[in-house]
Amino acid sequence: MGAETWRHTVVAVISEFGRTFRENGNKGTDHGHGTAYWFLGGGLSAQAGGKVLGEQIEVTEKALFQNRDYPVLNEYRSLLGGLFARMYGLNAAQLQQIFPASQPGRLQLV
């Protein structure tokens, strides 16, 4: 991939895997909710680079999902929908065909 192609490239790495906040009986943790997203590439805006974006919360007992997991705060269809809209100029109707019932996120990645 040449430099010109890289300037227009965004790589999205998404994990919907999380861990519980409390130890189980074996002093480990169980599978849980949670998400992590990494966006990389020359197609990202300079303002987006090197930052933590999206909704974030303080981890407290009250904030845990089902009293055990960090909640999913940034839904992947919303993030990818916003990215596709900005990169490819897709309108709301086109995005609904790809991600039904999802609203595009506005993280200004590109």
N, C-alpha and C. Protein backbone atom coordinates (compact mmCIF):
# COMPACT_ATOMS: atom_id res chain seq x y z
N MET A 1 0.85 -1.17 0.00
CA MET A 1 0.00 0.00 0.00
C MET A 1 0.90 1.23 0.00
N GLY A 2 0.71 2.09 -0.94
CA GLY A 2 1.50 3.31 -1.02
C GLY A 2 0.99 4.40 -0.10
N ALA A 3 1.78 5.45 0.01
CA ALA A 3 1.44 6.56 0.90
C ALA A 3 0.12 7.22 0.50
N GLU A 4 -0.14 7.34 -0.80
CA GLU A 4 -1.38 7.98 -1.25
C GLU A 4 -2.61 7.17 -0.84
N THR A 5 -2.53 5.85 -0.98
CA THR A 5 -3.64 4.99 -0.57
C THR A 5 -3.84 5.06 0.94
N TRP A 6 -2.75 5.05 1.69
CA TRP A 6 -2.84 5.11 3.15
C TRP A 6 -3.51 6.39 3.63
N ARG A 7 -3.32 7.49 2.90
CA ARG A 7 -3.95 8.77 3.27
C ARG A 7 -5.47 8.68 3.27
N HIS A 8 -6.03 7.71 2.55
CA HIS A 8 -7.48 7.56 2.44
C HIS A 8 -7.98 6.29 3.12
N THR A 9 -7.17 5.73 3.99
CA THR A 9 -7.50 4.45 4.62
C THR A 9 -7.79 4.63 6.10
N VAL A 10 -8.84 3.97 6.57
CA VAL A 10 -9.13 3.88 8.01
C VAL A 10 -9.34 2.40 8.32
N VAL A 11 -8.63 1.92 9.31
CA VAL A 11 -8.77 0.53 9.77
C VAL A 11 -9.53 0.58 11.10
N ALA A 12 -10.58 -0.21 11.20
CA ALA A 12 -11.37 -0.29 12.43
C ALA A 12 -11.17 -1.66 13.05
N VAL A 13 -10.74 -1.69 14.31
CA VAL A 13 -10.59 -2.93 15.07
C VAL A 13 -11.61 -2.85 16.20
N ILE A 14 -12.50 -3.84 16.25
CA ILE A 14 -13.61 -3.79 17.21
C ILE A 14 -13.65 -5.07 18.03
N SER A 15 -13.78 -4.92 19.34
CA SER A 15 -13.95 -6.06 20.22
C SER A 15 -15.18 -5.83 21.09
N GLU A 16 -16.09 -6.78 21.09
CA GLU A 16 -17.26 -6.70 21.98
C GLU A 16 -17.05 -7.60 23.19
N PHE A 17 -15.83 -7.90 23.50
CA PHE A 17 -15.51 -8.80 24.59
C PHE A 17 -15.10 -7.99 25.81
N GLY A 18 -15.65 -8.33 26.93
CA GLY A 18 -15.29 -7.68 28.17
C GLY A 18 -15.13 -8.70 29.29
N ARG A 19 -14.83 -8.21 30.45
CA ARG A 19 -14.68 -9.04 31.64
C ARG A 19 -15.51 -8.45 32.77
N THR A 20 -15.92 -9.30 33.68
CA THR A 20 -16.64 -8.82 34.85
C THR A 20 -15.68 -8.05 35.76
N PHE A 21 -16.24 -7.20 36.59
CA PHE A 21 -15.41 -6.43 37.51
C PHE A 21 -15.12 -7.17 38.80
N ARG A 22 -15.90 -8.17 39.08
CA ARG A 22 -15.69 -8.92 40.32
C ARG A 22 -15.06 -10.27 40.03
N GLU A 23 -14.26 -10.72 40.95
CA GLU A 23 -13.66 -12.05 40.81
C GLU A 23 -14.71 -13.13 40.99
N ASN A 24 -14.50 -14.24 40.29
CA ASN A 24 -15.37 -15.40 40.49
C ASN A 24 -14.76 -16.29 41.58
N GLY A 25 -15.31 -17.46 41.79
CA GLY A 25 -14.84 -18.36 42.84
C GLY A 25 -13.42 -18.87 42.63
N ASN A 26 -12.92 -18.79 41.41
CA ASN A 26 -11.55 -19.23 41.11
C ASN A 26 -10.55 -18.09 41.13
N LYS A 27 -10.96 -16.96 41.66
CA LYS A 27 -10.13 -15.75 41.74
C LYS A 27 -9.74 -15.22 40.36
N GLY A 28 -10.63 -15.47 39.38
CA GLY A 28 -10.49 -14.92 38.03
C GLY A 28 -11.71 -14.10 37.71
N THR A 29 -11.89 -13.77 36.47
CA THR A 29 -13.09 -13.05 36.05
C THR A 29 -13.76 -13.80 34.92
N ASP A 30 -15.04 -13.57 34.78
CA ASP A 30 -15.82 -14.23 33.74
C ASP A 30 -15.96 -13.32 32.53
N HIS A 31 -16.42 -13.92 31.42
CA HIS A 31 -16.72 -13.11 30.24
C HIS A 31 -17.82 -12.13 30.59
N GLY A 32 -17.73 -10.94 30.02
CA GLY A 32 -18.72 -9.92 30.32
C GLY A 32 -18.96 -9.00 29.14
N HIS A 33 -19.75 -7.99 29.38
CA HIS A 33 -20.02 -6.98 28.36
C HIS A 33 -18.86 -5.99 28.33
N GLY A 34 -18.89 -5.14 27.37
CA GLY A 34 -17.85 -4.12 27.24
C GLY A 34 -17.38 -4.08 25.80
N THR A 35 -16.81 -2.99 25.40
CA THR A 35 -16.33 -2.87 24.04
C THR A 35 -15.05 -2.06 24.01
N ALA A 36 -14.29 -2.31 22.99
CA ALA A 36 -13.10 -1.50 22.71
C ALA A 36 -13.04 -1.31 21.21
N TYR A 37 -12.71 -0.10 20.79
CA TYR A 37 -12.58 0.22 19.38
C TYR A 37 -11.25 0.93 19.17
N TRP A 38 -10.57 0.54 18.13
CA TRP A 38 -9.36 1.24 17.71
C TRP A 38 -9.56 1.65 16.26
N PHE A 39 -9.30 2.91 15.97
CA PHE A 39 -9.36 3.40 14.60
C PHE A 39 -7.96 3.90 14.25
N LEU A 40 -7.43 3.38 13.16
CA LEU A 40 -6.07 3.69 12.75
C LEU A 40 -6.05 4.06 11.27
N GLY A 41 -5.09 4.84 10.86
CA GLY A 41 -4.91 5.08 9.44
C GLY A 41 -4.70 6.53 9.09
N GLY A 42 -4.22 6.72 7.89
CA GLY A 42 -3.96 8.05 7.38
C GLY A 42 -5.22 8.82 7.07
N GLY A 43 -6.36 8.13 6.98
CA GLY A 43 -7.62 8.79 6.68
C GLY A 43 -8.27 9.46 7.88
N LEU A 44 -7.71 9.27 9.06
CA LEU A 44 -8.27 9.91 10.26
C LEU A 44 -7.92 11.39 10.28
N SER A 45 -8.79 12.19 10.86
CA SER A 45 -8.49 13.61 10.98
C SER A 45 -7.39 13.80 12.02
N ALA A 46 -6.62 14.85 11.85
CA ALA A 46 -5.54 15.14 12.80
C ALA A 46 -6.10 15.39 14.20
N GLN A 47 -7.33 15.90 14.28
CA GLN A 47 -7.94 16.18 15.59
C GLN A 47 -8.35 14.91 16.32
N ALA A 48 -8.54 13.81 15.59
CA ALA A 48 -8.98 12.56 16.21
C ALA A 48 -7.82 11.73 16.74
N GLY A 49 -6.65 11.93 16.21
CA GLY A 49 -5.51 11.08 16.56
C GLY A 49 -5.05 11.22 17.99
N GLY A 50 -4.68 10.10 18.60
CA GLY A 50 -4.10 10.09 19.93
C GLY A 50 -5.06 10.46 21.05
N LYS A 51 -6.36 10.30 20.83
CA LYS A 51 -7.34 10.69 21.83
C LYS A 51 -8.27 9.54 22.17
N VAL A 52 -8.88 9.64 23.33
CA VAL A 52 -9.97 8.75 23.71
C VAL A 52 -11.25 9.50 23.38
N LEU A 53 -12.08 8.91 22.51
CA LEU A 53 -13.31 9.56 22.07
C LEU A 53 -14.51 8.73 22.48
N GLY A 54 -15.67 9.33 22.46
CA GLY A 54 -16.90 8.61 22.78
C GLY A 54 -17.29 8.81 24.23
N GLU A 55 -18.45 8.28 24.56
CA GLU A 55 -18.97 8.41 25.91
C GLU A 55 -18.11 7.61 26.88
N GLN A 56 -17.85 8.19 28.03
CA GLN A 56 -17.10 7.52 29.09
C GLN A 56 -17.78 7.82 30.42
N ILE A 57 -17.65 6.91 31.35
CA ILE A 57 -18.26 7.11 32.66
C ILE A 57 -17.29 6.68 33.74
N GLU A 58 -17.54 7.16 34.94
CA GLU A 58 -16.79 6.71 36.09
C GLU A 58 -17.33 5.34 36.49
N VAL A 59 -16.44 4.42 36.76
CA VAL A 59 -16.87 3.07 37.13
C VAL A 59 -17.25 3.06 38.61
N THR A 60 -18.54 2.89 38.84
CA THR A 60 -19.08 2.79 40.19
C THR A 60 -20.03 1.61 40.23
N GLU A 61 -20.42 1.19 41.41
CA GLU A 61 -21.39 0.09 41.55
C GLU A 61 -22.66 0.41 40.76
N LYS A 62 -23.11 1.64 40.86
CA LYS A 62 -24.35 2.06 40.20
C LYS A 62 -24.23 1.99 38.67
N ALA A 63 -23.04 2.20 38.13
CA ALA A 63 -22.84 2.25 36.68
C ALA A 63 -22.71 0.87 36.04
N LEU A 64 -22.48 -0.16 36.83
CA LEU A 64 -22.26 -1.49 36.25
C LEU A 64 -23.53 -2.02 35.59
N PHE A 65 -23.38 -2.66 34.45
CA PHE A 65 -24.49 -3.30 33.75
C PHE A 65 -24.76 -4.64 34.42
N GLN A 66 -26.00 -4.91 34.76
CA GLN A 66 -26.41 -6.14 35.44
C GLN A 66 -25.60 -6.37 36.72
N ASN A 67 -25.18 -5.27 37.34
CA ASN A 67 -24.44 -5.31 38.60
C ASN A 67 -23.13 -6.09 38.49
N ARG A 68 -22.55 -6.17 37.27
CA ARG A 68 -21.32 -6.94 37.13
C ARG A 68 -20.37 -6.47 36.05
N ASP A 69 -20.88 -5.79 35.00
CA ASP A 69 -20.06 -5.47 33.83
C ASP A 69 -20.01 -3.97 33.56
N TYR A 70 -18.93 -3.55 32.92
CA TYR A 70 -18.88 -2.21 32.38
C TYR A 70 -19.89 -2.15 31.24
N PRO A 71 -20.76 -1.14 31.20
CA PRO A 71 -21.80 -1.11 30.17
C PRO A 71 -21.23 -0.78 28.79
N VAL A 72 -21.93 -1.21 27.76
CA VAL A 72 -21.57 -0.86 26.39
C VAL A 72 -22.09 0.56 26.15
N LEU A 73 -21.19 1.50 25.95
CA LEU A 73 -21.57 2.91 25.83
C LEU A 73 -21.57 3.41 24.39
N ASN A 74 -20.74 2.83 23.57
CA ASN A 74 -20.59 3.28 22.19
C ASN A 74 -20.90 2.11 21.28
N GLU A 75 -22.04 2.16 20.64
CA GLU A 75 -22.55 1.07 19.84
C GLU A 75 -21.84 1.03 18.49
N TYR A 76 -21.37 -0.14 18.08
CA TYR A 76 -20.51 -0.24 16.89
C TYR A 76 -21.20 0.21 15.61
N ARG A 77 -22.49 -0.05 15.46
CA ARG A 77 -23.20 0.37 14.24
C ARG A 77 -23.23 1.89 14.14
N SER A 78 -23.36 2.54 15.26
CA SER A 78 -23.37 4.00 15.27
C SER A 78 -22.00 4.55 14.87
N LEU A 79 -20.94 3.98 15.45
CA LEU A 79 -19.60 4.46 15.13
C LEU A 79 -19.24 4.20 13.67
N LEU A 80 -19.51 2.99 13.18
CA LEU A 80 -19.20 2.69 11.79
C LEU A 80 -20.10 3.47 10.84
N GLY A 81 -21.36 3.66 11.21
CA GLY A 81 -22.26 4.45 10.38
C GLY A 81 -21.78 5.88 10.21
N GLY A 82 -21.34 6.48 11.29
CA GLY A 82 -20.79 7.84 11.21
C GLY A 82 -19.54 7.89 10.35
N LEU A 83 -18.70 6.89 10.50
CA LEU A 83 -17.47 6.80 9.70
C LEU A 83 -17.81 6.65 8.21
N PHE A 84 -18.73 5.75 7.89
CA PHE A 84 -19.12 5.53 6.49
C PHE A 84 -19.76 6.78 5.88
N ALA A 85 -20.58 7.47 6.66
CA ALA A 85 -21.23 8.68 6.16
C ALA A 85 -20.19 9.72 5.76
N ARG A 86 -19.19 9.90 6.60
CA ARG A 86 -18.18 10.92 6.33
C ARG A 86 -17.19 10.48 5.26
N MET A 87 -16.81 9.22 5.25
CA MET A 87 -15.81 8.76 4.27
C MET A 87 -16.40 8.60 2.87
N TYR A 88 -17.62 8.09 2.81
CA TYR A 88 -18.20 7.73 1.51
C TYR A 88 -19.38 8.61 1.12
N GLY A 89 -19.72 9.59 1.96
CA GLY A 89 -20.81 10.49 1.64
C GLY A 89 -22.19 9.85 1.65
N LEU A 90 -22.35 8.80 2.47
CA LEU A 90 -23.64 8.11 2.52
C LEU A 90 -24.67 8.96 3.26
N ASN A 91 -25.90 8.95 2.76
CA ASN A 91 -26.97 9.69 3.43
C ASN A 91 -27.69 8.77 4.42
N ALA A 92 -28.67 9.32 5.13
CA ALA A 92 -29.37 8.56 6.18
C ALA A 92 -30.05 7.32 5.63
N ALA A 93 -30.68 7.42 4.46
CA ALA A 93 -31.38 6.26 3.88
C ALA A 93 -30.39 5.15 3.51
N GLN A 94 -29.26 5.52 2.98
CA GLN A 94 -28.24 4.52 2.63
C GLN A 94 -27.68 3.85 3.88
N LEU A 95 -27.46 4.64 4.93
CA LEU A 95 -26.95 4.06 6.18
C LEU A 95 -27.97 3.11 6.80
N GLN A 96 -29.26 3.42 6.67
CA GLN A 96 -30.29 2.54 7.22
C GLN A 96 -30.31 1.19 6.52
N GLN A 97 -29.91 1.14 5.27
CA GLN A 97 -29.82 -0.13 4.56
C GLN A 97 -28.68 -0.99 5.11
N ILE A 98 -27.63 -0.34 5.57
CA ILE A 98 -26.47 -1.06 6.10
C ILE A 98 -26.68 -1.40 7.58
N PHE A 99 -27.10 -0.40 8.36
CA PHE A 99 -27.29 -0.55 9.80
C PHE A 99 -28.71 -0.10 10.17
N PRO A 100 -29.73 -0.95 9.98
CA PRO A 100 -31.10 -0.57 10.29
C PRO A 100 -31.27 -0.11 11.75
N ALA A 101 -32.09 0.91 11.93
CA ALA A 101 -32.44 1.43 13.26
C ALA A 101 -31.26 1.97 14.04
N SER A 102 -30.20 2.36 13.36
CA SER A 102 -29.03 2.91 14.04
C SER A 102 -28.84 4.36 13.61
N GLN A 103 -28.41 5.18 14.54
CA GLN A 103 -28.10 6.58 14.24
C GLN A 103 -26.59 6.73 14.11
N PRO A 104 -26.12 7.40 13.06
CA PRO A 104 -24.67 7.54 12.89
C PRO A 104 -24.04 8.37 14.01
N GLY A 105 -22.92 7.89 14.52
CA GLY A 105 -22.20 8.61 15.56
C GLY A 105 -21.48 9.82 14.99
N ARG A 106 -21.16 10.75 15.85
CA ARG A 106 -20.52 11.98 15.41
C ARG A 106 -19.20 12.19 16.14
N LEU A 107 -18.30 11.25 15.99
CA LEU A 107 -17.01 11.36 16.67
C LEU A 107 -15.98 12.16 15.87
N GLN A 108 -16.32 12.54 14.64
CA GLN A 108 -15.42 13.34 13.81
C GLN A 108 -14.07 12.65 13.61
N LEU A 109 -14.11 11.36 13.30
CA LEU A 109 -12.87 10.61 13.07
C LEU A 109 -12.20 10.99 11.77
N VAL A 110 -13.00 11.30 10.76
CA VAL A 110 -12.45 11.68 9.45
C VAL A 110 -12.97 13.04 9.05
